[in-house]
Amino acid sequence: DVQQILPDKWQRLKDWMKQEYNLEN
């Protein structure tokens, strides 16, 4: 089986986008 570690699988990408694009939280 495959186990997902983060509740939101896109967390790393979203964190990067917020910082890189200066998006509001």
mmCIF file of all heavy atoms, coordinates in Angstrom:
data_MODEL
# 
_entry.id   MODEL 
# 
loop_
_atom_site.group_PDB 
_atom_site.id 
_atom_site.type_symbol 
_atom_site.label_atom_id 
_atom_site.label_alt_id 
_atom_site.label_comp_id 
_atom_site.label_asym_id 
_atom_site.label_entity_id 
_atom_site.label_seq_id 
_atom_site.pdbx_PDB_ins_code 
_atom_site.Cartn_x 
_atom_site.Cartn_y 
_atom_site.Cartn_z 
_atom_site.occupancy 
_atom_site.B_iso_or_equiv 
_atom_site.pdbx_formal_charge 
_atom_site.auth_seq_id 
_atom_site.auth_comp_id 
_atom_site.auth_asym_id 
_atom_site.auth_atom_id 
_atom_site.pdbx_PDB_model_num 
ATOM 1   N N   . ASP A 1 1  ? 0.839  -1.192 0.000  1.00 0.00 ? 1  ASP A N   1 
ATOM 2   C CA  . ASP A 1 1  ? 0.000  0.000  0.000  1.00 0.00 ? 1  ASP A CA  1 
ATOM 3   C C   . ASP A 1 1  ? 0.877  1.247  0.000  1.00 0.00 ? 1  ASP A C   1 
ATOM 4   O O   . ASP A 1 1  ? 2.095  1.182  0.157  1.00 0.00 ? 1  ASP A O   1 
ATOM 5   C CB  . ASP A 1 1  ? -0.983 0.028  1.172  1.00 0.00 ? 1  ASP A CB  1 
ATOM 6   C CG  . ASP A 1 1  ? -0.303 0.006  2.531  1.00 0.00 ? 1  ASP A CG  1 
ATOM 7   O OD1 . ASP A 1 1  ? 0.753  0.634  2.670  1.00 0.00 ? 1  ASP A OD1 1 
ATOM 8   O OD2 . ASP A 1 1  ? -0.835 -0.642 3.450  1.00 0.00 ? 1  ASP A OD2 1 
ATOM 9   N N   . VAL A 1 2  ? 0.225  2.380  -0.193 1.00 0.00 ? 2  VAL A N   1 
ATOM 10  C CA  . VAL A 1 2  ? 0.883  3.682  -0.215 1.00 0.00 ? 2  VAL A CA  1 
ATOM 11  C C   . VAL A 1 2  ? 0.231  4.551  0.847  1.00 0.00 ? 2  VAL A C   1 
ATOM 12  O O   . VAL A 1 2  ? -0.987 4.708  0.857  1.00 0.00 ? 2  VAL A O   1 
ATOM 13  C CB  . VAL A 1 2  ? 0.743  4.349  -1.598 1.00 0.00 ? 2  VAL A CB  1 
ATOM 14  C CG1 . VAL A 1 2  ? 1.460  5.692  -1.606 1.00 0.00 ? 2  VAL A CG1 1 
ATOM 15  C CG2 . VAL A 1 2  ? 1.282  3.438  -2.699 1.00 0.00 ? 2  VAL A CG2 1 
ATOM 16  N N   . GLN A 1 3  ? 1.025  5.098  1.757  1.00 0.00 ? 3  GLN A N   1 
ATOM 17  C CA  . GLN A 1 3  ? 0.506  5.907  2.858  1.00 0.00 ? 3  GLN A CA  1 
ATOM 18  C C   . GLN A 1 3  ? 0.840  7.369  2.630  1.00 0.00 ? 3  GLN A C   1 
ATOM 19  O O   . GLN A 1 3  ? 2.001  7.738  2.436  1.00 0.00 ? 3  GLN A O   1 
ATOM 20  C CB  . GLN A 1 3  ? 1.089  5.448  4.193  1.00 0.00 ? 3  GLN A CB  1 
ATOM 21  C CG  . GLN A 1 3  ? 0.606  6.259  5.384  1.00 0.00 ? 3  GLN A CG  1 
ATOM 22  C CD  . GLN A 1 3  ? 1.288  5.841  6.675  1.00 0.00 ? 3  GLN A CD  1 
ATOM 23  O OE1 . GLN A 1 3  ? 2.135  4.962  6.677  1.00 0.00 ? 3  GLN A OE1 1 
ATOM 24  N NE2 . GLN A 1 3  ? 0.920  6.489  7.767  1.00 0.00 ? 3  GLN A NE2 1 
ATOM 25  N N   . GLN A 1 4  ? -0.166 8.217  2.643  1.00 0.00 ? 4  GLN A N   1 
ATOM 26  C CA  . GLN A 1 4  ? 0.031  9.655  2.538  1.00 0.00 ? 4  GLN A CA  1 
ATOM 27  C C   . GLN A 1 4  ? 0.404  10.204 3.906  1.00 0.00 ? 4  GLN A C   1 
ATOM 28  O O   . GLN A 1 4  ? -0.218 9.861  4.908  1.00 0.00 ? 4  GLN A O   1 
ATOM 29  C CB  . GLN A 1 4  ? -1.242 10.316 2.021  1.00 0.00 ? 4  GLN A CB  1 
ATOM 30  C CG  . GLN A 1 4  ? -1.137 11.814 1.804  1.00 0.00 ? 4  GLN A CG  1 
ATOM 31  C CD  . GLN A 1 4  ? -2.385 12.364 1.148  1.00 0.00 ? 4  GLN A CD  1 
ATOM 32  O OE1 . GLN A 1 4  ? -2.884 11.815 0.184  1.00 0.00 ? 4  GLN A OE1 1 
ATOM 33  N NE2 . GLN A 1 4  ? -2.910 13.460 1.699  1.00 0.00 ? 4  GLN A NE2 1 
ATOM 34  N N   . ILE A 1 5  ? 1.422  11.060 3.964  1.00 0.00 ? 5  ILE A N   1 
ATOM 35  C CA  . ILE A 1 5  ? 1.930  11.567 5.237  1.00 0.00 ? 5  ILE A CA  1 
ATOM 36  C C   . ILE A 1 5  ? 1.253  12.870 5.628  1.00 0.00 ? 5  ILE A C   1 
ATOM 37  O O   . ILE A 1 5  ? 0.917  13.079 6.790  1.00 0.00 ? 5  ILE A O   1 
ATOM 38  C CB  . ILE A 1 5  ? 3.456  11.775 5.172  1.00 0.00 ? 5  ILE A CB  1 
ATOM 39  C CG1 . ILE A 1 5  ? 4.141  10.457 4.782  1.00 0.00 ? 5  ILE A CG1 1 
ATOM 40  C CG2 . ILE A 1 5  ? 3.989  12.274 6.504  1.00 0.00 ? 5  ILE A CG2 1 
ATOM 41  C CD1 . ILE A 1 5  ? 3.854  9.305  5.712  1.00 0.00 ? 5  ILE A CD1 1 
ATOM 42  N N   . LEU A 1 6  ? 1.028  13.759 4.671  1.00 0.00 ? 6  LEU A N   1 
ATOM 43  C CA  . LEU A 1 6  ? 0.434  15.057 4.969  1.00 0.00 ? 6  LEU A CA  1 
ATOM 44  C C   . LEU A 1 6  ? -1.077 15.024 4.754  1.00 0.00 ? 6  LEU A C   1 
ATOM 45  O O   . LEU A 1 6  ? -1.547 14.470 3.763  1.00 0.00 ? 6  LEU A O   1 
ATOM 46  C CB  . LEU A 1 6  ? 1.038  16.128 4.057  1.00 0.00 ? 6  LEU A CB  1 
ATOM 47  C CG  . LEU A 1 6  ? 2.534  16.390 4.220  1.00 0.00 ? 6  LEU A CG  1 
ATOM 48  C CD1 . LEU A 1 6  ? 2.998  17.382 3.167  1.00 0.00 ? 6  LEU A CD1 1 
ATOM 49  C CD2 . LEU A 1 6  ? 2.832  16.922 5.603  1.00 0.00 ? 6  LEU A CD2 1 
ATOM 50  N N   . PRO A 1 7  ? -1.856 15.639 5.635  1.00 0.00 ? 7  PRO A N   1 
ATOM 51  C CA  . PRO A 1 7  ? -3.307 15.699 5.412  1.00 0.00 ? 7  PRO A CA  1 
ATOM 52  C C   . PRO A 1 7  ? -3.663 16.368 4.091  1.00 0.00 ? 7  PRO A C   1 
ATOM 53  O O   . PRO A 1 7  ? -4.607 15.979 3.419  1.00 0.00 ? 7  PRO A O   1 
ATOM 54  C CB  . PRO A 1 7  ? -3.807 16.507 6.612  1.00 0.00 ? 7  PRO A CB  1 
ATOM 55  C CG  . PRO A 1 7  ? -2.769 16.294 7.657  1.00 0.00 ? 7  PRO A CG  1 
ATOM 56  C CD  . PRO A 1 7  ? -1.466 16.195 6.927  1.00 0.00 ? 7  PRO A CD  1 
ATOM 57  N N   . ASP A 1 8  ? -2.909 17.401 3.706  1.00 0.00 ? 8  ASP A N   1 
ATOM 58  C CA  . ASP A 1 8  ? -3.081 18.046 2.407  1.00 0.00 ? 8  ASP A CA  1 
ATOM 59  C C   . ASP A 1 8  ? -1.869 17.692 1.559  1.00 0.00 ? 8  ASP A C   1 
ATOM 60  O O   . ASP A 1 8  ? -0.761 18.166 1.801  1.00 0.00 ? 8  ASP A O   1 
ATOM 61  C CB  . ASP A 1 8  ? -3.191 19.560 2.579  1.00 0.00 ? 8  ASP A CB  1 
ATOM 62  C CG  . ASP A 1 8  ? -3.417 20.273 1.246  1.00 0.00 ? 8  ASP A CG  1 
ATOM 63  O OD1 . ASP A 1 8  ? -3.397 19.608 0.194  1.00 0.00 ? 8  ASP A OD1 1 
ATOM 64  O OD2 . ASP A 1 8  ? -3.619 21.505 1.269  1.00 0.00 ? 8  ASP A OD2 1 
ATOM 65  N N   . LYS A 1 9  ? -2.073 16.868 0.553  1.00 0.00 ? 9  LYS A N   1 
ATOM 66  C CA  . LYS A 1 9  ? -0.930 16.394 -0.226 1.00 0.00 ? 9  LYS A CA  1 
ATOM 67  C C   . LYS A 1 9  ? -0.253 17.525 -0.998 1.00 0.00 ? 9  LYS A C   1 
ATOM 68  O O   . LYS A 1 9  ? 0.903  17.395 -1.403 1.00 0.00 ? 9  LYS A O   1 
ATOM 69  C CB  . LYS A 1 9  ? -1.362 15.289 -1.177 1.00 0.00 ? 9  LYS A CB  1 
ATOM 70  C CG  . LYS A 1 9  ? -2.118 15.730 -2.410 1.00 0.00 ? 9  LYS A CG  1 
ATOM 71  C CD  . LYS A 1 9  ? -2.324 14.547 -3.344 1.00 0.00 ? 9  LYS A CD  1 
ATOM 72  C CE  . LYS A 1 9  ? -2.841 14.965 -4.698 1.00 0.00 ? 9  LYS A CE  1 
ATOM 73  N NZ  . LYS A 1 9  ? -2.928 13.813 -5.619 1.00 0.00 ? 9  LYS A NZ  1 
ATOM 74  N N   . TRP A 1 10 ? -0.962 18.655 -1.206 1.00 0.00 ? 10 TRP A N   1 
ATOM 75  C CA  . TRP A 1 10 ? -0.394 19.767 -1.952 1.00 0.00 ? 10 TRP A CA  1 
ATOM 76  C C   . TRP A 1 10 ? 0.307  20.776 -1.042 1.00 0.00 ? 10 TRP A C   1 
ATOM 77  O O   . TRP A 1 10 ? 0.669  21.864 -1.488 1.00 0.00 ? 10 TRP A O   1 
ATOM 78  C CB  . TRP A 1 10 ? -1.500 20.483 -2.720 1.00 0.00 ? 10 TRP A CB  1 
ATOM 79  C CG  . TRP A 1 10 ? -2.232 19.615 -3.689 1.00 0.00 ? 10 TRP A CG  1 
ATOM 80  C CD1 . TRP A 1 10 ? -3.512 19.132 -3.571 1.00 0.00 ? 10 TRP A CD1 1 
ATOM 81  C CD2 . TRP A 1 10 ? -1.735 19.100 -4.926 1.00 0.00 ? 10 TRP A CD2 1 
ATOM 82  N NE1 . TRP A 1 10 ? -3.841 18.358 -4.653 1.00 0.00 ? 10 TRP A NE1 1 
ATOM 83  C CE2 . TRP A 1 10 ? -2.773 18.320 -5.508 1.00 0.00 ? 10 TRP A CE2 1 
ATOM 84  C CE3 . TRP A 1 10 ? -0.523 19.224 -5.609 1.00 0.00 ? 10 TRP A CE3 1 
ATOM 85  C CZ2 . TRP A 1 10 ? -2.628 17.672 -6.724 1.00 0.00 ? 10 TRP A CZ2 1 
ATOM 86  C CZ3 . TRP A 1 10 ? -0.374 18.582 -6.826 1.00 0.00 ? 10 TRP A CZ3 1 
ATOM 87  C CH2 . TRP A 1 10 ? -1.410 17.817 -7.384 1.00 0.00 ? 10 TRP A CH2 1 
ATOM 88  N N   . GLN A 1 11 ? 0.527  20.440 0.222  1.00 0.00 ? 11 GLN A N   1 
ATOM 89  C CA  . GLN A 1 11 ? 1.024  21.423 1.181  1.00 0.00 ? 11 GLN A CA  1 
ATOM 90  C C   . GLN A 1 11 ? 2.355  22.027 0.744  1.00 0.00 ? 11 GLN A C   1 
ATOM 91  O O   . GLN A 1 11 ? 2.554  23.247 0.818  1.00 0.00 ? 11 GLN A O   1 
ATOM 92  C CB  . GLN A 1 11 ? 1.188  20.780 2.559  1.00 0.00 ? 11 GLN A CB  1 
ATOM 93  C CG  . GLN A 1 11 ? 1.496  21.772 3.670  1.00 0.00 ? 11 GLN A CG  1 
ATOM 94  C CD  . GLN A 1 11 ? 0.365  22.764 3.861  1.00 0.00 ? 11 GLN A CD  1 
ATOM 95  O OE1 . GLN A 1 11 ? -0.777 22.369 4.068  1.00 0.00 ? 11 GLN A OE1 1 
ATOM 96  N NE2 . GLN A 1 11 ? 0.673  24.049 3.767  1.00 0.00 ? 11 GLN A NE2 1 
ATOM 97  N N   . ARG A 1 12 ? 3.265  21.206 0.285  1.00 0.00 ? 12 ARG A N   1 
ATOM 98  C CA  . ARG A 1 12 ? 4.581  21.729 -0.100 1.00 0.00 ? 12 ARG A CA  1 
ATOM 99  C C   . ARG A 1 12 ? 4.446  22.696 -1.274 1.00 0.00 ? 12 ARG A C   1 
ATOM 100 O O   . ARG A 1 12 ? 5.058  23.770 -1.269 1.00 0.00 ? 12 ARG A O   1 
ATOM 101 C CB  . ARG A 1 12 ? 5.523  20.585 -0.462 1.00 0.00 ? 12 ARG A CB  1 
ATOM 102 C CG  . ARG A 1 12 ? 6.904  21.072 -0.896 1.00 0.00 ? 12 ARG A CG  1 
ATOM 103 C CD  . ARG A 1 12 ? 7.827  19.949 -1.305 1.00 0.00 ? 12 ARG A CD  1 
ATOM 104 N NE  . ARG A 1 12 ? 9.021  20.471 -1.936 1.00 0.00 ? 12 ARG A NE  1 
ATOM 105 C CZ  . ARG A 1 12 ? 9.910  19.729 -2.587 1.00 0.00 ? 12 ARG A CZ  1 
ATOM 106 N NH1 . ARG A 1 12 ? 9.747  18.426 -2.676 1.00 0.00 ? 12 ARG A NH1 1 
ATOM 107 N NH2 . ARG A 1 12 ? 10.959 20.289 -3.142 1.00 0.00 ? 12 ARG A NH2 1 
ATOM 108 N N   . LEU A 1 13 ? 3.648  22.344 -2.279 1.00 0.00 ? 13 LEU A N   1 
ATOM 109 C CA  . LEU A 1 13 ? 3.477  23.211 -3.433 1.00 0.00 ? 13 LEU A CA  1 
ATOM 110 C C   . LEU A 1 13 ? 2.790  24.521 -3.030 1.00 0.00 ? 13 LEU A C   1 
ATOM 111 O O   . LEU A 1 13 ? 3.188  25.604 -3.468 1.00 0.00 ? 13 LEU A O   1 
ATOM 112 C CB  . LEU A 1 13 ? 2.656  22.494 -4.506 1.00 0.00 ? 13 LEU A CB  1 
ATOM 113 C CG  . LEU A 1 13 ? 2.375  23.290 -5.785 1.00 0.00 ? 13 LEU A CG  1 
ATOM 114 C CD1 . LEU A 1 13 ? 3.678  23.714 -6.448 1.00 0.00 ? 13 LEU A CD1 1 
ATOM 115 C CD2 . LEU A 1 13 ? 1.516  22.460 -6.747 1.00 0.00 ? 13 LEU A CD2 1 
ATOM 116 N N   . LYS A 1 14 ? 1.773  24.424 -2.183 1.00 0.00 ? 14 LYS A N   1 
ATOM 117 C CA  . LYS A 1 14 ? 1.070  25.638 -1.751 1.00 0.00 ? 14 LYS A CA  1 
ATOM 118 C C   . LYS A 1 14 ? 1.986  26.561 -0.950 1.00 0.00 ? 14 LYS A C   1 
ATOM 119 O O   . LYS A 1 14 ? 1.964  27.789 -1.127 1.00 0.00 ? 14 LYS A O   1 
ATOM 120 C CB  . LYS A 1 14 ? -0.151 25.259 -0.911 1.00 0.00 ? 14 LYS A CB  1 
ATOM 121 C CG  . LYS A 1 14 ? -1.290 24.647 -1.697 1.00 0.00 ? 14 LYS A CG  1 
ATOM 122 C CD  . LYS A 1 14 ? -2.438 24.298 -0.752 1.00 0.00 ? 14 LYS A CD  1 
ATOM 123 C CE  . LYS A 1 14 ? -3.604 23.685 -1.477 1.00 0.00 ? 14 LYS A CE  1 
ATOM 124 N NZ  . LYS A 1 14 ? -4.708 23.326 -0.544 1.00 0.00 ? 14 LYS A NZ  1 
ATOM 125 N N   . ASP A 1 15 ? 2.780  25.986 -0.058 1.00 0.00 ? 15 ASP A N   1 
ATOM 126 C CA  . ASP A 1 15 ? 3.693  26.801 0.733  1.00 0.00 ? 15 ASP A CA  1 
ATOM 127 C C   . ASP A 1 15 ? 4.666  27.542 -0.180 1.00 0.00 ? 15 ASP A C   1 
ATOM 128 O O   . ASP A 1 15 ? 4.977  28.721 0.028  1.00 0.00 ? 15 ASP A O   1 
ATOM 129 C CB  . ASP A 1 15 ? 4.467  25.927 1.726  1.00 0.00 ? 15 ASP A CB  1 
ATOM 130 C CG  . ASP A 1 15 ? 3.609  25.439 2.877  1.00 0.00 ? 15 ASP A CG  1 
ATOM 131 O OD1 . ASP A 1 15 ? 2.498  25.983 3.061  1.00 0.00 ? 15 ASP A OD1 1 
ATOM 132 O OD2 . ASP A 1 15 ? 4.041  24.510 3.578  1.00 0.00 ? 15 ASP A OD2 1 
ATOM 133 N N   . TRP A 1 16 ? 5.156  26.837 -1.192 1.00 0.00 ? 16 TRP A N   1 
ATOM 134 C CA  . TRP A 1 16 ? 6.091  27.458 -2.132 1.00 0.00 ? 16 TRP A CA  1 
ATOM 135 C C   . TRP A 1 16 ? 5.397  28.565 -2.920 1.00 0.00 ? 16 TRP A C   1 
ATOM 136 O O   . TRP A 1 16 ? 5.960  29.650 -3.115 1.00 0.00 ? 16 TRP A O   1 
ATOM 137 C CB  . TRP A 1 16 ? 6.651  26.400 -3.084 1.00 0.00 ? 16 TRP A CB  1 
ATOM 138 C CG  . TRP A 1 16 ? 7.653  26.967 -4.048 1.00 0.00 ? 16 TRP A CG  1 
ATOM 139 C CD1 . TRP A 1 16 ? 8.982  27.161 -3.835 1.00 0.00 ? 16 TRP A CD1 1 
ATOM 140 C CD2 . TRP A 1 16 ? 7.385  27.429 -5.381 1.00 0.00 ? 16 TRP A CD2 1 
ATOM 141 N NE1 . TRP A 1 16 ? 9.569  27.708 -4.949 1.00 0.00 ? 16 TRP A NE1 1 
ATOM 142 C CE2 . TRP A 1 16 ? 8.606  27.884 -5.916 1.00 0.00 ? 16 TRP A CE2 1 
ATOM 143 C CE3 . TRP A 1 16 ? 6.246  27.492 -6.170 1.00 0.00 ? 16 TRP A CE3 1 
ATOM 144 C CZ2 . TRP A 1 16 ? 8.717  28.392 -7.211 1.00 0.00 ? 16 TRP A CZ2 1 
ATOM 145 C CZ3 . TRP A 1 16 ? 6.350  28.001 -7.456 1.00 0.00 ? 16 TRP A CZ3 1 
ATOM 146 C CH2 . TRP A 1 16 ? 7.565  28.452 -7.964 1.00 0.00 ? 16 TRP A CH2 1 
ATOM 147 N N   . MET A 1 17 ? 4.178  28.309 -3.376 1.00 0.00 ? 17 MET A N   1 
ATOM 148 C CA  . MET A 1 17 ? 3.455  29.315 -4.155 1.00 0.00 ? 17 MET A CA  1 
ATOM 149 C C   . MET A 1 17 ? 3.185  30.564 -3.329 1.00 0.00 ? 17 MET A C   1 
ATOM 150 O O   . MET A 1 17 ? 3.312  31.693 -3.818 1.00 0.00 ? 17 MET A O   1 
ATOM 151 C CB  . MET A 1 17 ? 2.146  28.727 -4.675 1.00 0.00 ? 17 MET A CB  1 
ATOM 152 C CG  . MET A 1 17 ? 2.319  27.651 -5.729 1.00 0.00 ? 17 MET A CG  1 
ATOM 153 S SD  . MET A 1 17 ? 0.741  26.978 -6.319 1.00 0.00 ? 17 MET A SD  1 
ATOM 154 C CE  . MET A 1 17 ? 0.128  28.379 -7.257 1.00 0.00 ? 17 MET A CE  1 
ATOM 155 N N   . LYS A 1 18 ? 2.789  30.394 -2.065 1.00 0.00 ? 18 LYS A N   1 
ATOM 156 C CA  . LYS A 1 18 ? 2.520  31.554 -1.218 1.00 0.00 ? 18 LYS A CA  1 
ATOM 157 C C   . LYS A 1 18 ? 3.771  32.421 -1.079 1.00 0.00 ? 18 LYS A C   1 
ATOM 158 O O   . LYS A 1 18 ? 3.698  33.650 -1.119 1.00 0.00 ? 18 LYS A O   1 
ATOM 159 C CB  . LYS A 1 18 ? 2.030  31.095 0.161  1.00 0.00 ? 18 LYS A CB  1 
ATOM 160 C CG  . LYS A 1 18 ? 0.601  30.611 0.166  1.00 0.00 ? 18 LYS A CG  1 
ATOM 161 C CD  . LYS A 1 18 ? 0.061  30.410 1.572  1.00 0.00 ? 18 LYS A CD  1 
ATOM 162 C CE  . LYS A 1 18 ? 0.718  29.230 2.265  1.00 0.00 ? 18 LYS A CE  1 
ATOM 163 N NZ  . LYS A 1 18 ? 0.095  28.951 3.582  1.00 0.00 ? 18 LYS A NZ  1 
ATOM 164 N N   . GLN A 1 19 ? 4.919  31.776 -0.911 1.00 0.00 ? 19 GLN A N   1 
ATOM 165 C CA  . GLN A 1 19 ? 6.154  32.528 -0.735 1.00 0.00 ? 19 GLN A CA  1 
ATOM 166 C C   . GLN A 1 19 ? 6.644  33.117 -2.056 1.00 0.00 ? 19 GLN A C   1 
ATOM 167 O O   . GLN A 1 19 ? 6.998  34.294 -2.129 1.00 0.00 ? 19 GLN A O   1 
ATOM 168 C CB  . GLN A 1 19 ? 7.230  31.620 -0.141 1.00 0.00 ? 19 GLN A CB  1 
ATOM 169 C CG  . GLN A 1 19 ? 8.574  32.313 0.039  1.00 0.00 ? 19 GLN A CG  1 
ATOM 170 C CD  . GLN A 1 19 ? 9.597  31.387 0.681  1.00 0.00 ? 19 GLN A CD  1 
ATOM 171 O OE1 . GLN A 1 19 ? 9.281  30.302 1.123  1.00 0.00 ? 19 GLN A OE1 1 
ATOM 172 N NE2 . GLN A 1 19 ? 10.841 31.842 0.729  1.00 0.00 ? 19 GLN A NE2 1 
ATOM 173 N N   . GLU A 1 20 ? 6.629  32.309 -3.104 1.00 0.00 ? 20 GLU A N   1 
ATOM 174 C CA  . GLU A 1 20 ? 7.179  32.734 -4.387 1.00 0.00 ? 20 GLU A CA  1 
ATOM 175 C C   . GLU A 1 20 ? 6.319  33.811 -5.045 1.00 0.00 ? 20 GLU A C   1 
ATOM 176 O O   . GLU A 1 20 ? 6.841  34.756 -5.640 1.00 0.00 ? 20 GLU A O   1 
ATOM 177 C CB  . GLU A 1 20 ? 7.300  31.526 -5.319 1.00 0.00 ? 20 GLU A CB  1 
ATOM 178 C CG  . GLU A 1 20 ? 8.007  31.812 -6.635 1.00 0.00 ? 20 GLU A CG  1 
ATOM 179 C CD  . GLU A 1 20 ? 9.494  32.046 -6.479 1.00 0.00 ? 20 GLU A CD  1 
ATOM 180 O OE1 . GLU A 1 20 ? 10.029 31.812 -5.374 1.00 0.00 ? 20 GLU A OE1 1 
ATOM 181 O OE2 . GLU A 1 20 ? 10.135 32.474 -7.459 1.00 0.00 ? 20 GLU A OE2 1 
ATOM 182 N N   . TYR A 1 21 ? 4.997  33.675 -4.936 1.00 0.00 ? 21 TYR A N   1 
ATOM 183 C CA  . TYR A 1 21 ? 4.094  34.612 -5.590 1.00 0.00 ? 21 TYR A CA  1 
ATOM 184 C C   . TYR A 1 21 ? 3.574  35.679 -4.632 1.00 0.00 ? 21 TYR A C   1 
ATOM 185 O O   . TYR A 1 21 ? 2.763  36.515 -5.013 1.00 0.00 ? 21 TYR A O   1 
ATOM 186 C CB  . TYR A 1 21 ? 2.899  33.866 -6.191 1.00 0.00 ? 21 TYR A CB  1 
ATOM 187 C CG  . TYR A 1 21 ? 3.286  32.768 -7.152 1.00 0.00 ? 21 TYR A CG  1 
ATOM 188 C CD1 . TYR A 1 21 ? 2.562  31.584 -7.197 1.00 0.00 ? 21 TYR A CD1 1 
ATOM 189 C CD2 . TYR A 1 21 ? 4.373  32.898 -8.009 1.00 0.00 ? 21 TYR A CD2 1 
ATOM 190 C CE1 . TYR A 1 21 ? 2.895  30.564 -8.073 1.00 0.00 ? 21 TYR A CE1 1 
ATOM 191 C CE2 . TYR A 1 21 ? 4.727  31.878 -8.889 1.00 0.00 ? 21 TYR A CE2 1 
ATOM 192 C CZ  . TYR A 1 21 ? 3.988  30.719 -8.915 1.00 0.00 ? 21 TYR A CZ  1 
ATOM 193 O OH  . TYR A 1 21 ? 4.325  29.719 -9.777 1.00 0.00 ? 21 TYR A OH  1 
ATOM 194 N N   . ASN A 1 22 ? 4.020  35.619 -3.372 1.00 0.00 ? 22 ASN A N   1 
ATOM 195 C CA  . ASN A 1 22 ? 3.606  36.593 -2.356 1.00 0.00 ? 22 ASN A CA  1 
ATOM 196 C C   . ASN A 1 22 ? 2.084  36.632 -2.231 1.00 0.00 ? 22 ASN A C   1 
ATOM 197 O O   . ASN A 1 22 ? 1.475  37.698 -2.146 1.00 0.00 ? 22 ASN A O   1 
ATOM 198 C CB  . ASN A 1 22 ? 4.153  37.982 -2.705 1.00 0.00 ? 22 ASN A CB  1 
ATOM 199 C CG  . ASN A 1 22 ? 4.179  38.908 -1.498 1.00 0.00 ? 22 ASN A CG  1 
ATOM 200 O OD1 . ASN A 1 22 ? 4.162  38.453 -0.355 1.00 0.00 ? 22 ASN A OD1 1 
ATOM 201 N ND2 . ASN A 1 22 ? 4.217  40.207 -1.749 1.00 0.00 ? 22 ASN A ND2 1 
ATOM 202 N N   . LEU A 1 23 ? 1.473  35.458 -2.224 1.00 0.00 ? 23 LEU A N   1 
ATOM 203 C CA  . LEU A 1 23 ? 0.032  35.357 -2.077 1.00 0.00 ? 23 LEU A CA  1 
ATOM 204 C C   . LEU A 1 23 ? -0.354 35.554 -0.616 1.00 0.00 ? 23 LEU A C   1 
ATOM 205 O O   . LEU A 1 23 ? 0.381  35.169 0.300  1.00 0.00 ? 23 LEU A O   1 
ATOM 206 C CB  . LEU A 1 23 ? -0.470 33.992 -2.550 1.00 0.00 ? 23 LEU A CB  1 
ATOM 207 C CG  . LEU A 1 23 ? -0.282 33.648 -4.030 1.00 0.00 ? 23 LEU A CG  1 
ATOM 208 C CD1 . LEU A 1 23 ? -0.734 32.220 -4.286 1.00 0.00 ? 23 LEU A CD1 1 
ATOM 209 C CD2 . LEU A 1 23 ? -1.063 34.609 -4.905 1.00 0.00 ? 23 LEU A CD2 1 
ATOM 210 N N   . GLU A 1 24 ? -1.517 36.152 -0.382 1.00 0.00 ? 24 GLU A N   1 
ATOM 211 C CA  . GLU A 1 24 ? -2.010 36.253 0.974  1.00 0.00 ? 24 GLU A CA  1 
ATOM 212 C C   . GLU A 1 24 ? -2.414 34.877 1.482  1.00 0.00 ? 24 GLU A C   1 
ATOM 213 O O   . GLU A 1 24 ? -2.709 33.970 0.709  1.00 0.00 ? 24 GLU A O   1 
ATOM 214 C CB  . GLU A 1 24 ? -3.211 37.205 1.029  1.00 0.00 ? 24 GLU A CB  1 
ATOM 215 C CG  . GLU A 1 24 ? -2.827 38.655 0.778  1.00 0.00 ? 24 GLU A CG  1 
ATOM 216 C CD  . GLU A 1 24 ? -3.992 39.590 1.004  1.00 0.00 ? 24 GLU A CD  1 
ATOM 217 O OE1 . GLU A 1 24 ? -5.110 39.104 1.256  1.00 0.00 ? 24 GLU A OE1 1 
ATOM 218 O OE2 . GLU A 1 24 ? -3.783 40.818 0.936  1.00 0.00 ? 24 GLU A OE2 1 
ATOM 219 N N   . ASN A 1 25 ? -2.438 34.750 2.781  1.00 0.00 ? 25 ASN A N   1 
ATOM 220 C CA  . ASN A 1 25 ? -2.702 33.443 3.393  1.00 0.00 ? 25 ASN A CA  1 
ATOM 221 C C   . ASN A 1 25 ? -4.204 33.152 3.393  1.00 0.00 ? 25 ASN A C   1 
ATOM 222 O O   . ASN A 1 25 ? -4.829 32.975 4.425  1.00 0.00 ? 25 ASN A O   1 
ATOM 223 C CB  . ASN A 1 25 ? -2.133 33.413 4.817  1.00 0.00 ? 25 ASN A CB  1 
ATOM 224 C CG  . ASN A 1 25 ? -2.072 32.001 5.366  1.00 0.00 ? 25 ASN A CG  1 
ATOM 225 O OD1 . ASN A 1 25 ? -1.993 31.039 4.595  1.00 0.00 ? 25 ASN A OD1 1 
ATOM 226 N ND2 . ASN A 1 25 ? -2.097 31.885 6.670  1.00 0.00 ? 25 ASN A ND2 1 
# 
